[in-house]
Structure formats: structure tokens, C-alpha cells
Amino acid sequence: MDGLLAFLLVVGVLAVVGSLVLMRRVPREIRPVALVPLFVVLVGFAIGFLALAGVFG
């Protein structure tokens, strides 16, 4: 389970870094599209944190 958690954390961090790089390189009109994966990953991190904390039972 720890290996899976570490793998998912690495994938999430790569997605956040990729979104930030993408936001810097695309034209201003397309930047909101680059925010979508960033927000999805950040929400996933928050839900994962709450699950690990035992909030969901």
C-alpha cells in the first residue's frame, strides 16, 4: 500500500509541475485549460489527505 501511495504522490506532483509549466508556455487565452489538471490533482491530494487521516470512516 505504501508503494502505491508513493507512486500516486509522484504522479500527482508531476501533474502539478506539468500544469505550471504548461501555464507559462501557452497563450493567455488557453491558460484556463491548463488550470483544470492542476485543480483536479490538488482536490485529489486533499481527498487523499482526508482519507489517510481517517475522516471517511
C-alpha atoms as a PDB file:
ATOM      1  CA  MET A   1       0.000   0.000   0.000  1.00  0.00           C
ATOM      2  CA  ASP A   2       2.873   2.367   0.755  1.00  0.00           C
ATOM      3  CA  GLY A   3       4.334   1.780  -2.694  1.00  0.00           C
ATOM      4  CA  LEU A   4       1.034   2.606  -4.359  1.00  0.00           C
ATOM      5  CA  LEU A   5       0.671   5.761  -2.276  1.00  0.00           C
ATOM      6  CA  ALA A   6       4.199   6.861  -3.168  1.00  0.00           C
ATOM      7  CA  PHE A   7       3.555   6.182  -6.867  1.00  0.00           C
ATOM      8  CA  LEU A   8       0.325   8.185  -6.848  1.00  0.00           C
ATOM      9  CA  LEU A   9       2.034  11.026  -4.999  1.00  0.00           C
ATOM     10  CA  VAL A  10       4.811  11.159  -7.611  1.00  0.00           C
ATOM     11  CA  VAL A  11       2.273  11.133 -10.453  1.00  0.00           C
ATOM     12  CA  GLY A  12       0.327  13.930  -8.767  1.00  0.00           C
ATOM     13  CA  VAL A  13       3.421  16.061  -8.264  1.00  0.00           C
ATOM     14  CA  LEU A  14       4.402  15.554 -11.909  1.00  0.00           C
ATOM     15  CA  ALA A  15       0.911  16.612 -12.990  1.00  0.00           C
ATOM     16  CA  VAL A  16       1.112  19.778 -10.880  1.00  0.00           C
ATOM     17  CA  VAL A  17       4.558  20.669 -12.224  1.00  0.00           C
ATOM     18  CA  GLY A  18       3.414  19.916 -15.778  1.00  0.00           C
ATOM     19  CA  SER A  19       0.383  22.157 -15.363  1.00  0.00           C
ATOM     20  CA  LEU A  20       2.524  25.003 -14.062  1.00  0.00           C
ATOM     21  CA  VAL A  21       4.949  24.640 -16.972  1.00  0.00           C
ATOM     22  CA  LEU A  22       2.044  24.441 -19.404  1.00  0.00           C
ATOM     23  CA  MET A  23       0.512  27.618 -17.982  1.00  0.00           C
ATOM     24  CA  ARG A  24       3.740  29.521 -18.621  1.00  0.00           C
ATOM     25  CA  ARG A  25       4.108  28.362 -22.221  1.00  0.00           C
ATOM     26  CA  VAL A  26       0.599  28.605 -23.668  1.00  0.00           C
ATOM     27  CA  PRO A  27      -1.082  31.816 -24.830  1.00  0.00           C
ATOM     28  CA  ARG A  28      -3.114  33.735 -22.274  1.00  0.00           C
ATOM     29  CA  GLU A  29      -6.428  32.688 -23.865  1.00  0.00           C
ATOM     30  CA  ILE A  30      -5.750  28.981 -23.289  1.00  0.00           C
ATOM     31  CA  ARG A  31      -4.381  29.217 -19.739  1.00  0.00           C
ATOM     32  CA  PRO A  32      -7.672  28.315 -18.009  1.00  0.00           C
ATOM     33  CA  VAL A  33      -7.457  24.913 -19.708  1.00  0.00           C
ATOM     34  CA  ALA A  34      -4.092  24.333 -18.023  1.00  0.00           C
ATOM     35  CA  LEU A  35      -5.687  25.017 -14.636  1.00  0.00           C
ATOM     36  CA  VAL A  36      -8.072  22.056 -14.907  1.00  0.00           C
ATOM     37  CA  PRO A  37      -5.489  19.278 -14.304  1.00  0.00           C
ATOM     38  CA  LEU A  38      -3.907  21.379 -11.576  1.00  0.00           C
ATOM     39  CA  PHE A  39      -7.204  21.724  -9.691  1.00  0.00           C
ATOM     40  CA  VAL A  40      -8.087  18.055 -10.216  1.00  0.00           C
ATOM     41  CA  VAL A  41      -4.774  16.932  -8.716  1.00  0.00           C
ATOM     42  CA  LEU A  42      -4.989  19.368  -5.816  1.00  0.00           C
ATOM     43  CA  VAL A  43      -8.520  18.164  -4.994  1.00  0.00           C
ATOM     44  CA  GLY A  44      -7.215  14.587  -5.205  1.00  0.00           C
ATOM     45  CA  PHE A  45      -4.434  15.448  -2.761  1.00  0.00           C
ATOM     46  CA  ALA A  46      -6.971  16.960  -0.355  1.00  0.00           C
ATOM     47  CA  ILE A  47      -9.284  13.937  -0.542  1.00  0.00           C
ATOM     48  CA  GLY A  48      -6.330  11.579  -0.137  1.00  0.00           C
ATOM     49  CA  PHE A  49      -5.129  13.505   2.895  1.00  0.00           C
ATOM     50  CA  LEU A  50      -8.578  13.329   4.469  1.00  0.00           C
ATOM     51  CA  ALA A  51      -8.808   9.606   3.705  1.00  0.00           C
ATOM     52  CA  LEU A  52      -5.424   8.951   5.299  1.00  0.00           C
ATOM     53  CA  ALA A  53      -6.474  11.000   8.308  1.00  0.00           C
ATOM     54  CA  GLY A  54      -9.488   8.711   8.759  1.00  0.00           C
ATOM     55  CA  VAL A  55     -12.193  11.294   8.125  1.00  0.00           C
ATOM     56  CA  PHE A  56     -14.243   8.945   5.927  1.00  0.00           C
ATOM     57  CA  GLY A  57     -14.529   6.182   8.473  1.00  0.00           C
END
